[in-house]
């Protein structure tokens, strides 16, 4: 380690300021230009994620408006493993959103800009040593809490300012590439969502043909698959000769299982997919899981294979995802199999469409829970087989690209997470890290 690195505590270089208790009476689900930063905006392992969004329409103190590049830290965690407690993130710039410094989130204020770089602090506060310090000193049994004095008592080796900035730049380049892949995926998903909505919600091709006009952006062969009129159904007007079915009519639906007592069945045999695995993989696809279960526990759980569609039924319920591994699912998941009259892609986007409704009808006030009966009874549009096949031919290439981008983002994240503790501790020097990046990255 360089002789220029010195021992110091975070309290030597920063303050951590508490957020403001914005009044709940002004919280709204309707999108406004002001959005509260909550612990849900922190990814597992650190870094910023958009989350569900909590919008605000009340009075706002100027000093609690966050700026792009501010380093923030989560002070409270509701998960059993305190998955995000104490981790840092950088406030992003997103058009149309002003981020507000909410309670349970700390703002890092640097005492001396000549002593420490904000980008370096962001990665320091995502390192395993820092993370262990925060979790070990946390309070609370169900809900974990940390505090500014606990965070600031963390001791670390501080390199000179130039090396701090170089470390931040190296790790930041990986995060920038990950962010670009996620932005690309957001665009691809928006294209897929727009096509789904046009065909199966707004019925744009049918409306166009009913007016005697050719459907926009559609070739003649595809246009011929849509009728030119509507008919009445129990859910209102739908394209002629299309059907309304329930989800239970078009597929088999079941629930995952968790053997009891679970500690007797944890092992190294079969991957066991939990809700956190969807969070770790950006939600749409699940590529891996950290936990495994013994073979004798697996028969009581539900097996899944590559390409299977599942949906969360507890915690953040109503979120569908595709499985990209073989294993079994926790009882926090529902599964959909044996499709008849609907495709997996159509059901996936339909579940996205009704996700808020599913949350609304779920059992429980604090901990929401869905069940197979509730979900099975939800209606779904049932188009002719040829329309389904054409929809899949348009959607599948987009889904494949999203999947590949997710895999690439995971690879980059693993590389970043390998380099981060070694660079922060001085175990790996920058020239070695740059050589490794040149070897690993295309």
Foldseek 3Di string as FASTA:
>chain_A
DDPQWDKDFLLVWKFWAFFDAPDPVFKDLDDAQEWEDALQQAAQLGEGDDGSTIGGDDDADPVFWDDFQWKKFAFKDQDQVSRRHQAIYTDHDDPSHTYGRHGRMITIGTPDCQAEDSLLVNLVSSAPQLVCQQQVPWDDRRMTGGDRVSSRRDMAIGHGHVLSVLLSVLLVVLVVLLVVLVVVLVVLVVVLLVVLCCVFPVNQLLCQVLVVHHRPPDDPVLSVQFHNDWDQDPVGIDGPPWDKDFLLVFWDKDFWAADPPNVVWWDDDFFEDEPVQCSNLVNAEREGHPTATHPVGQVNTAWDAFQWKKFFFKDLGLGIYTYHHIGTYYRRMMTTHDGDQADPVSVNSVSVVCSVVQQVPFDDDPMGGDHPVVRRGHMGIRGDPVNRVVSCVVSVVSVVSSVVSSVVSVVSVVLSNVVSNCSRRVVDGDVRSVVVCVVPDD
